[in-house]
Amino acid sequence: MGIINQIKYLLICILTVTIISCDSNDCPLNNVVYSTYGFYVNTADGEAKVSVMDTLTVVAAGTDSILINRMYEMSSIELPVSYTSGTDTLVFRFTNKNKETFEDSVFIDKENIPHYESPDCPTAMFHYITGIRTTHTLIENAIVVHPNINYNATENFKIYFYSLH
């Protein structure tokens, strides 16, 4: 094989690799988005971030899906968001050291927004939060901090617990 043929072969190889690499896509490895909940109490000086000392289990209401199982000493959690439902209902189950269990339900109203990276990537679902409400066993209040739930990890909700005084 002559030098000219070797150069042609090398250029064809480089061109082929370039074309193949340009055809690859940058799809996210995980197209599920998560909402972030921070835990707070109201104090005389304003709000304060707190760690929940009781054991916390979070389930998706109406399913057997356990989203968080027996976590403790946490000041925030991340939970997946459903793809199609207009309202997600979560059950926060707290168990204290005396094995007493208390439950609060959290209802998240949202709009589901399909998100396309490219035709080669699976569709992700982003969400816009339109409201949040809770029962009031241990949770005093909940507010929406950042209504857009997407790939950007940010605190979306503040959960306020009754302060112990």
N, C-alpha and C. Protein backbone atom coordinates (compact mmCIF):
# COMPACT_ATOMS: atom_id res chain seq x y z
N MET A 1 0.85 -1.16 0.00
CA MET A 1 0.00 0.00 0.00
C MET A 1 0.90 1.22 0.00
N GLY A 2 0.67 2.12 -0.95
CA GLY A 2 1.49 3.31 -1.08
C GLY A 2 1.14 4.36 -0.04
N ILE A 3 2.02 5.34 0.08
CA ILE A 3 1.82 6.40 1.07
C ILE A 3 0.54 7.18 0.80
N ILE A 4 0.21 7.40 -0.46
CA ILE A 4 -1.02 8.13 -0.81
C ILE A 4 -2.23 7.32 -0.36
N ASN A 5 -2.22 6.02 -0.61
CA ASN A 5 -3.34 5.16 -0.19
C ASN A 5 -3.44 5.10 1.33
N GLN A 6 -2.31 5.09 2.03
CA GLN A 6 -2.33 5.07 3.49
C GLN A 6 -2.94 6.38 4.03
N ILE A 7 -2.60 7.50 3.44
CA ILE A 7 -3.16 8.79 3.87
C ILE A 7 -4.66 8.82 3.59
N LYS A 8 -5.08 8.33 2.41
CA LYS A 8 -6.51 8.27 2.09
C LYS A 8 -7.23 7.38 3.11
N TYR A 9 -6.68 6.24 3.43
CA TYR A 9 -7.27 5.32 4.39
C TYR A 9 -7.38 5.98 5.76
N LEU A 10 -6.32 6.66 6.17
CA LEU A 10 -6.31 7.35 7.46
C LEU A 10 -7.37 8.45 7.49
N LEU A 11 -7.49 9.23 6.43
CA LEU A 11 -8.51 10.29 6.37
C LEU A 11 -9.92 9.71 6.39
N ILE A 12 -10.14 8.61 5.69
CA ILE A 12 -11.45 7.96 5.72
C ILE A 12 -11.77 7.47 7.12
N CYS A 13 -10.79 6.91 7.81
CA CYS A 13 -11.01 6.45 9.20
C CYS A 13 -11.35 7.62 10.11
N ILE A 14 -10.61 8.71 9.99
CA ILE A 14 -10.87 9.89 10.83
C ILE A 14 -12.26 10.44 10.53
N LEU A 15 -12.62 10.54 9.27
CA LEU A 15 -13.93 11.04 8.88
C LEU A 15 -15.04 10.13 9.41
N THR A 16 -14.85 8.84 9.33
CA THR A 16 -15.85 7.89 9.83
C THR A 16 -16.03 8.03 11.33
N VAL A 17 -14.96 8.11 12.07
CA VAL A 17 -15.04 8.27 13.53
C VAL A 17 -15.72 9.59 13.87
N THR A 18 -15.41 10.66 13.14
CA THR A 18 -16.02 11.96 13.39
C THR A 18 -17.52 11.90 13.14
N ILE A 19 -17.94 11.29 12.07
CA ILE A 19 -19.37 11.18 11.76
C ILE A 19 -20.08 10.36 12.82
N ILE A 20 -19.50 9.24 13.23
CA ILE A 20 -20.12 8.40 14.24
C ILE A 20 -20.21 9.14 15.56
N SER A 21 -19.15 9.83 15.97
CA SER A 21 -19.19 10.54 17.25
C SER A 21 -20.15 11.72 17.20
N CYS A 22 -20.34 12.36 16.06
CA CYS A 22 -21.30 13.46 15.96
C CYS A 22 -22.72 12.95 16.05
N ASP A 23 -22.93 11.70 15.71
CA ASP A 23 -24.27 11.13 15.75
C ASP A 23 -24.68 10.74 17.16
N SER A 24 -23.72 10.63 18.09
CA SER A 24 -24.08 10.26 19.45
C SER A 24 -24.82 11.42 20.10
N ASN A 25 -25.64 11.10 21.11
CA ASN A 25 -26.40 12.16 21.76
C ASN A 25 -26.02 12.24 23.23
N ASP A 26 -26.41 13.33 23.82
CA ASP A 26 -26.11 13.56 25.23
C ASP A 26 -27.39 13.45 26.05
N CYS A 27 -28.04 12.31 26.00
CA CYS A 27 -29.26 12.09 26.77
C CYS A 27 -28.91 11.97 28.24
N PRO A 28 -29.76 12.51 29.11
CA PRO A 28 -29.52 12.32 30.54
C PRO A 28 -29.60 10.84 30.90
N LEU A 29 -28.78 10.42 31.83
CA LEU A 29 -28.80 9.02 32.24
C LEU A 29 -30.08 8.68 32.98
N ASN A 30 -30.63 9.64 33.71
CA ASN A 30 -31.86 9.42 34.46
C ASN A 30 -32.80 10.55 34.10
N ASN A 31 -33.96 10.24 33.53
CA ASN A 31 -34.87 11.32 33.14
C ASN A 31 -36.00 11.51 34.14
N VAL A 32 -35.82 11.05 35.38
CA VAL A 32 -36.79 11.29 36.44
C VAL A 32 -36.34 12.53 37.21
N VAL A 33 -37.27 13.44 37.46
CA VAL A 33 -36.93 14.63 38.23
C VAL A 33 -37.41 14.45 39.67
N TYR A 34 -36.73 15.13 40.58
CA TYR A 34 -37.03 14.99 42.01
C TYR A 34 -37.39 16.35 42.59
N SER A 35 -38.34 16.32 43.52
CA SER A 35 -38.69 17.52 44.28
C SER A 35 -37.96 17.46 45.61
N THR A 36 -37.59 18.63 46.13
CA THR A 36 -36.84 18.70 47.38
C THR A 36 -37.68 19.41 48.44
N TYR A 37 -37.75 18.78 49.60
CA TYR A 37 -38.53 19.29 50.74
C TYR A 37 -37.55 19.63 51.86
N GLY A 38 -37.59 20.89 52.33
CA GLY A 38 -36.80 21.30 53.48
C GLY A 38 -37.70 21.33 54.70
N PHE A 39 -37.15 21.01 55.87
CA PHE A 39 -37.93 20.95 57.11
C PHE A 39 -37.58 22.14 57.99
N TYR A 40 -38.63 22.81 58.51
CA TYR A 40 -38.47 24.05 59.26
C TYR A 40 -39.43 24.11 60.44
N VAL A 41 -39.14 25.02 61.37
CA VAL A 41 -40.08 25.45 62.42
C VAL A 41 -40.04 26.96 62.45
N ASN A 42 -41.14 27.55 62.87
CA ASN A 42 -41.19 28.99 63.09
C ASN A 42 -40.74 29.27 64.51
N THR A 43 -39.86 30.24 64.66
CA THR A 43 -39.36 30.63 65.99
C THR A 43 -39.63 32.11 66.19
N ALA A 44 -39.33 32.61 67.37
CA ALA A 44 -39.48 34.04 67.65
C ALA A 44 -38.57 34.87 66.74
N ASP A 45 -37.46 34.28 66.30
CA ASP A 45 -36.51 34.98 65.43
C ASP A 45 -36.76 34.74 63.94
N GLY A 46 -37.83 34.05 63.61
CA GLY A 46 -38.12 33.72 62.21
C GLY A 46 -38.12 32.21 62.04
N GLU A 47 -37.83 31.77 60.84
CA GLU A 47 -37.82 30.32 60.59
C GLU A 47 -36.45 29.74 60.88
N ALA A 48 -36.44 28.47 61.25
CA ALA A 48 -35.18 27.76 61.49
C ALA A 48 -35.28 26.38 60.87
N LYS A 49 -34.22 25.99 60.19
CA LYS A 49 -34.14 24.64 59.61
C LYS A 49 -33.98 23.65 60.75
N VAL A 50 -34.68 22.52 60.68
CA VAL A 50 -34.62 21.52 61.74
C VAL A 50 -34.35 20.15 61.14
N SER A 51 -33.81 19.28 61.96
CA SER A 51 -33.67 17.87 61.60
C SER A 51 -34.80 17.10 62.26
N VAL A 52 -35.46 16.27 61.49
CA VAL A 52 -36.53 15.44 62.03
C VAL A 52 -35.87 14.27 62.75
N MET A 53 -36.12 14.17 64.04
CA MET A 53 -35.48 13.14 64.85
C MET A 53 -36.28 11.84 64.85
N ASP A 54 -37.58 11.91 64.57
CA ASP A 54 -38.39 10.70 64.49
C ASP A 54 -38.05 9.96 63.19
N THR A 55 -38.38 8.69 63.16
CA THR A 55 -38.17 7.90 61.94
C THR A 55 -39.26 8.28 60.94
N LEU A 56 -38.86 8.58 59.71
CA LEU A 56 -39.79 9.02 58.67
C LEU A 56 -39.85 8.00 57.55
N THR A 57 -41.08 7.64 57.21
CA THR A 57 -41.36 6.81 56.03
C THR A 57 -42.33 7.61 55.17
N VAL A 58 -42.07 7.68 53.88
CA VAL A 58 -42.96 8.39 52.95
C VAL A 58 -43.44 7.39 51.91
N VAL A 59 -44.76 7.34 51.74
CA VAL A 59 -45.35 6.47 50.73
C VAL A 59 -46.22 7.30 49.79
N ALA A 60 -46.35 6.83 48.57
CA ALA A 60 -47.27 7.43 47.62
C ALA A 60 -48.65 6.86 47.92
N ALA A 61 -49.59 7.72 48.28
CA ALA A 61 -50.93 7.26 48.67
C ALA A 61 -51.60 6.51 47.53
N GLY A 62 -52.30 5.46 47.88
CA GLY A 62 -53.01 4.66 46.88
C GLY A 62 -52.13 3.65 46.17
N THR A 63 -50.87 3.55 46.57
CA THR A 63 -49.96 2.58 45.95
C THR A 63 -49.21 1.86 47.06
N ASP A 64 -48.42 0.89 46.68
CA ASP A 64 -47.55 0.23 47.65
C ASP A 64 -46.10 0.74 47.51
N SER A 65 -45.95 1.91 46.89
CA SER A 65 -44.62 2.49 46.65
C SER A 65 -44.11 3.20 47.89
N ILE A 66 -43.04 2.67 48.45
CA ILE A 66 -42.35 3.33 49.56
C ILE A 66 -41.26 4.19 48.95
N LEU A 67 -41.38 5.50 49.13
CA LEU A 67 -40.42 6.43 48.54
C LEU A 67 -39.23 6.68 49.46
N ILE A 68 -39.48 6.70 50.76
CA ILE A 68 -38.43 6.81 51.77
C ILE A 68 -38.79 5.83 52.87
N ASN A 69 -37.82 5.06 53.29
CA ASN A 69 -38.08 4.03 54.29
C ASN A 69 -37.23 4.24 55.53
N ARG A 70 -37.87 4.65 56.59
CA ARG A 70 -37.28 4.72 57.92
C ARG A 70 -36.02 5.58 58.00
N MET A 71 -36.08 6.78 57.45
CA MET A 71 -34.97 7.72 57.59
C MET A 71 -35.11 8.48 58.90
N TYR A 72 -34.01 8.95 59.43
CA TYR A 72 -34.04 9.77 60.64
C TYR A 72 -32.89 10.76 60.61
N GLU A 73 -33.03 11.79 61.45
CA GLU A 73 -32.04 12.87 61.54
C GLU A 73 -31.76 13.50 60.18
N MET A 74 -32.83 13.91 59.49
CA MET A 74 -32.66 14.57 58.20
C MET A 74 -33.36 15.93 58.24
N SER A 75 -32.79 16.89 57.51
CA SER A 75 -33.38 18.21 57.45
C SER A 75 -34.00 18.50 56.07
N SER A 76 -33.85 17.57 55.16
CA SER A 76 -34.49 17.69 53.85
C SER A 76 -34.55 16.30 53.21
N ILE A 77 -35.46 16.16 52.25
CA ILE A 77 -35.59 14.91 51.50
C ILE A 77 -35.86 15.23 50.04
N GLU A 78 -35.53 14.28 49.17
CA GLU A 78 -35.85 14.38 47.75
C GLU A 78 -36.80 13.24 47.40
N LEU A 79 -37.85 13.58 46.67
CA LEU A 79 -38.85 12.58 46.28
C LEU A 79 -39.13 12.69 44.79
N PRO A 80 -39.36 11.56 44.12
CA PRO A 80 -39.74 11.62 42.71
C PRO A 80 -41.14 12.19 42.56
N VAL A 81 -41.46 12.66 41.36
CA VAL A 81 -42.75 13.24 41.06
C VAL A 81 -43.42 12.35 40.02
N SER A 82 -44.73 12.11 40.18
CA SER A 82 -45.43 11.25 39.22
C SER A 82 -45.48 11.91 37.85
N TYR A 83 -45.56 11.07 36.82
CA TYR A 83 -45.56 11.58 35.44
C TYR A 83 -46.90 12.18 35.02
N THR A 84 -48.00 11.53 35.35
CA THR A 84 -49.26 11.87 34.70
C THR A 84 -50.30 12.49 35.61
N SER A 85 -50.26 12.24 36.88
CA SER A 85 -51.30 12.71 37.78
C SER A 85 -51.22 14.23 37.94
N GLY A 86 -52.38 14.88 38.08
CA GLY A 86 -52.43 16.31 38.33
C GLY A 86 -52.19 16.64 39.80
N THR A 87 -52.37 15.65 40.68
CA THR A 87 -52.11 15.83 42.11
C THR A 87 -51.37 14.61 42.62
N ASP A 88 -50.26 14.84 43.29
CA ASP A 88 -49.55 13.76 43.99
C ASP A 88 -49.95 13.81 45.45
N THR A 89 -50.29 12.65 46.00
CA THR A 89 -50.63 12.56 47.42
C THR A 89 -49.59 11.69 48.10
N LEU A 90 -48.91 12.28 49.07
CA LEU A 90 -47.86 11.59 49.81
C LEU A 90 -48.27 11.46 51.26
N VAL A 91 -47.94 10.33 51.86
CA VAL A 91 -48.20 10.12 53.28
C VAL A 91 -46.87 10.13 54.01
N PHE A 92 -46.70 11.09 54.91
CA PHE A 92 -45.52 11.19 55.75
C PHE A 92 -45.85 10.50 57.07
N ARG A 93 -45.17 9.42 57.35
CA ARG A 93 -45.43 8.62 58.56
C ARG A 93 -44.24 8.76 59.51
N PHE A 94 -44.49 9.35 60.67
CA PHE A 94 -43.46 9.59 61.68
C PHE A 94 -43.64 8.60 62.83
N THR A 95 -42.56 7.94 63.22
CA THR A 95 -42.59 7.03 64.36
C THR A 95 -41.56 7.51 65.37
N ASN A 96 -42.02 7.78 66.60
CA ASN A 96 -41.10 8.30 67.61
C ASN A 96 -40.44 7.17 68.39
N LYS A 97 -39.63 7.52 69.38
CA LYS A 97 -38.89 6.52 70.16
C LYS A 97 -39.80 5.62 70.97
N ASN A 98 -41.01 6.09 71.26
CA ASN A 98 -41.98 5.28 72.01
C ASN A 98 -42.82 4.38 71.10
N LYS A 99 -42.43 4.32 69.82
CA LYS A 99 -43.11 3.52 68.79
C LYS A 99 -44.52 4.04 68.47
N GLU A 100 -44.79 5.32 68.80
CA GLU A 100 -46.05 5.94 68.43
C GLU A 100 -45.90 6.46 67.00
N THR A 101 -46.94 6.25 66.20
CA THR A 101 -46.90 6.66 64.80
C THR A 101 -47.92 7.76 64.54
N PHE A 102 -47.47 8.79 63.82
CA PHE A 102 -48.32 9.91 63.43
C PHE A 102 -48.20 10.09 61.93
N GLU A 103 -49.31 10.43 61.28
CA GLU A 103 -49.30 10.59 59.82
C GLU A 103 -49.83 11.96 59.42
N ASP A 104 -49.21 12.48 58.39
CA ASP A 104 -49.70 13.67 57.70
C ASP A 104 -49.72 13.35 56.21
N SER A 105 -50.75 13.83 55.53
CA SER A 105 -50.81 13.71 54.08
C SER A 105 -50.43 15.05 53.46
N VAL A 106 -49.68 14.98 52.37
CA VAL A 106 -49.26 16.17 51.64
C VAL A 106 -49.81 16.03 50.22
N PHE A 107 -50.54 17.04 49.77
CA PHE A 107 -51.17 17.03 48.45
C PHE A 107 -50.49 18.09 47.60
N ILE A 108 -49.91 17.67 46.47
CA ILE A 108 -49.18 18.58 45.60
C ILE A 108 -49.92 18.67 44.27
N ASP A 109 -50.44 19.85 43.97
CA ASP A 109 -51.13 20.09 42.70
C ASP A 109 -50.10 20.60 41.71
N LYS A 110 -50.15 20.06 40.47
CA LYS A 110 -49.11 20.40 39.51
C LYS A 110 -49.58 20.27 38.07
N GLU A 111 -48.84 20.92 37.21
CA GLU A 111 -49.00 20.76 35.77
C GLU A 111 -47.80 19.95 35.28
N ASN A 112 -48.04 18.97 34.44
CA ASN A 112 -46.98 18.13 33.89
C ASN A 112 -46.59 18.65 32.51
N ILE A 113 -45.31 18.89 32.32
CA ILE A 113 -44.82 19.50 31.09
C ILE A 113 -43.80 18.56 30.43
N PRO A 114 -44.15 17.96 29.27
CA PRO A 114 -43.17 17.10 28.60
C PRO A 114 -41.94 17.90 28.19
N HIS A 115 -40.77 17.29 28.37
CA HIS A 115 -39.51 17.95 28.04
C HIS A 115 -38.72 17.04 27.09
N TYR A 116 -38.36 17.58 25.93
CA TYR A 116 -37.62 16.82 24.92
C TYR A 116 -36.19 17.35 24.83
N GLU A 117 -35.22 16.46 24.99
CA GLU A 117 -33.81 16.82 24.77
C GLU A 117 -33.48 16.75 23.29
N SER A 118 -33.86 15.63 22.68
CA SER A 118 -33.65 15.42 21.26
C SER A 118 -34.52 14.24 20.85
N PRO A 119 -34.70 14.02 19.54
CA PRO A 119 -35.53 12.89 19.11
C PRO A 119 -34.97 11.53 19.55
N ASP A 120 -33.67 11.47 19.81
CA ASP A 120 -33.05 10.21 20.21
C ASP A 120 -33.20 9.91 21.71
N CYS A 121 -33.60 10.91 22.49
CA CYS A 121 -33.68 10.75 23.95
C CYS A 121 -35.12 10.48 24.38
N PRO A 122 -35.29 9.71 25.45
CA PRO A 122 -36.65 9.53 25.96
C PRO A 122 -37.18 10.85 26.53
N THR A 123 -38.49 11.00 26.51
CA THR A 123 -39.12 12.21 27.03
C THR A 123 -39.02 12.24 28.54
N ALA A 124 -38.63 13.37 29.07
CA ALA A 124 -38.67 13.60 30.51
C ALA A 124 -39.93 14.38 30.81
N MET A 125 -40.33 14.38 32.05
CA MET A 125 -41.50 15.17 32.45
C MET A 125 -41.06 16.17 33.50
N PHE A 126 -41.19 17.44 33.17
CA PHE A 126 -40.96 18.51 34.13
C PHE A 126 -42.31 18.87 34.73
N HIS A 127 -42.31 19.65 35.82
CA HIS A 127 -43.56 19.95 36.51
C HIS A 127 -43.56 21.39 36.97
N TYR A 128 -44.76 21.97 37.00
CA TYR A 128 -44.96 23.30 37.57
C TYR A 128 -45.96 23.16 38.69
N ILE A 129 -45.55 23.52 39.90
CA ILE A 129 -46.39 23.35 41.09
C ILE A 129 -47.39 24.50 41.17
N THR A 130 -48.66 24.16 41.27
CA THR A 130 -49.71 25.17 41.38
C THR A 130 -50.23 25.30 42.81
N GLY A 131 -49.90 24.35 43.68
CA GLY A 131 -50.35 24.45 45.07
C GLY A 131 -49.89 23.27 45.90
N ILE A 132 -49.87 23.48 47.22
CA ILE A 132 -49.55 22.41 48.16
C ILE A 132 -50.44 22.61 49.39
N ARG A 133 -50.94 21.51 49.93
CA ARG A 133 -51.73 21.55 51.14
C ARG A 133 -51.44 20.28 51.94
N THR A 134 -51.70 20.34 53.23
CA THR A 134 -51.39 19.20 54.09
C THR A 134 -52.48 19.02 55.13
N THR A 135 -52.45 17.84 55.74
CA THR A 135 -53.20 17.66 56.98
C THR A 135 -52.31 18.26 58.07
N HIS A 136 -52.80 18.36 59.28
CA HIS A 136 -52.07 19.13 60.28
C HIS A 136 -51.86 18.34 61.57
N THR A 137 -51.37 17.14 61.46
CA THR A 137 -51.05 16.36 62.66
C THR A 137 -49.74 16.87 63.26
N LEU A 138 -48.65 16.75 62.53
CA LEU A 138 -47.36 17.30 62.95
C LEU A 138 -46.92 18.46 62.07
N ILE A 139 -47.44 18.50 60.86
CA ILE A 139 -47.09 19.57 59.91
C ILE A 139 -48.03 20.75 60.13
N GLU A 140 -47.43 21.90 60.44
CA GLU A 140 -48.22 23.11 60.64
C GLU A 140 -48.61 23.74 59.31
N ASN A 141 -47.65 23.77 58.37
CA ASN A 141 -47.88 24.46 57.10
C ASN A 141 -46.87 23.95 56.07
N ALA A 142 -47.17 24.17 54.81
CA ALA A 142 -46.24 23.87 53.73
C ALA A 142 -46.38 24.96 52.68
N ILE A 143 -45.25 25.39 52.13
CA ILE A 143 -45.29 26.42 51.08
C ILE A 143 -44.41 25.99 49.90
N VAL A 144 -44.75 26.53 48.76
CA VAL A 144 -43.96 26.32 47.55
C VAL A 144 -42.90 27.41 47.49
N VAL A 145 -41.63 26.99 47.40
CA VAL A 145 -40.52 27.94 47.30
C VAL A 145 -40.14 28.16 45.84
N HIS A 146 -39.92 27.08 45.12
CA HIS A 146 -39.60 27.12 43.69
C HIS A 146 -40.58 26.19 42.98
N PRO A 147 -41.50 26.74 42.20
CA PRO A 147 -42.55 25.91 41.60
C PRO A 147 -42.10 25.04 40.43
N ASN A 148 -40.94 25.34 39.84
CA ASN A 148 -40.47 24.55 38.69
C ASN A 148 -39.65 23.36 39.17
N ILE A 149 -40.10 22.17 38.82
CA ILE A 149 -39.35 20.95 39.14
C ILE A 149 -38.79 20.43 37.82
N ASN A 150 -37.46 20.41 37.76
CA ASN A 150 -36.76 19.96 36.55
C ASN A 150 -35.43 19.35 36.97
N TYR A 151 -34.46 19.35 36.09
CA TYR A 151 -33.16 18.74 36.42
C TYR A 151 -32.36 19.56 37.43
N ASN A 152 -32.71 20.82 37.64
CA ASN A 152 -31.99 21.66 38.60
C ASN A 152 -32.41 21.30 40.02
N ALA A 153 -31.49 20.82 40.80
CA ALA A 153 -31.79 20.45 42.18
C ALA A 153 -31.87 21.71 43.03
N THR A 154 -33.06 22.01 43.51
CA THR A 154 -33.28 23.17 44.35
C THR A 154 -34.40 22.85 45.33
N GLU A 155 -34.46 23.56 46.43
CA GLU A 155 -35.53 23.32 47.39
C GLU A 155 -36.84 23.82 46.81
N ASN A 156 -37.78 22.91 46.60
CA ASN A 156 -39.07 23.27 46.03
C ASN A 156 -40.11 23.60 47.09
N PHE A 157 -40.02 22.93 48.25
CA PHE A 157 -41.03 23.09 49.28
C PHE A 157 -40.39 23.31 50.64
N LYS A 158 -41.08 24.08 51.48
CA LYS A 158 -40.72 24.19 52.89
C LYS A 158 -41.86 23.59 53.69
N ILE A 159 -41.52 22.61 54.51
CA ILE A 159 -42.49 21.96 55.40
C ILE A 159 -42.22 22.51 56.80
N TYR A 160 -43.23 23.13 57.39
CA TYR A 160 -43.10 23.70 58.73
C TYR A 160 -43.80 22.78 59.72
N PHE A 161 -43.06 22.40 60.75
CA PHE A 161 -43.61 21.56 61.82
C PHE A 161 -44.04 22.45 62.98
N TYR A 162 -45.01 21.96 63.74
CA TYR A 162 -45.37 22.65 64.98
C TYR A 162 -44.15 22.66 65.86
N SER A 163 -43.84 23.80 66.44
CA SER A 163 -42.67 23.86 67.32
C SER A 163 -43.04 23.27 68.68
N LEU A 164 -42.06 22.67 69.31
CA LEU A 164 -42.27 22.04 70.62
C LEU A 164 -41.92 23.04 71.68
N HIS A 165 -42.92 23.58 72.35
CA HIS A 165 -42.64 24.50 73.44
C HIS A 165 -43.51 24.20 74.62
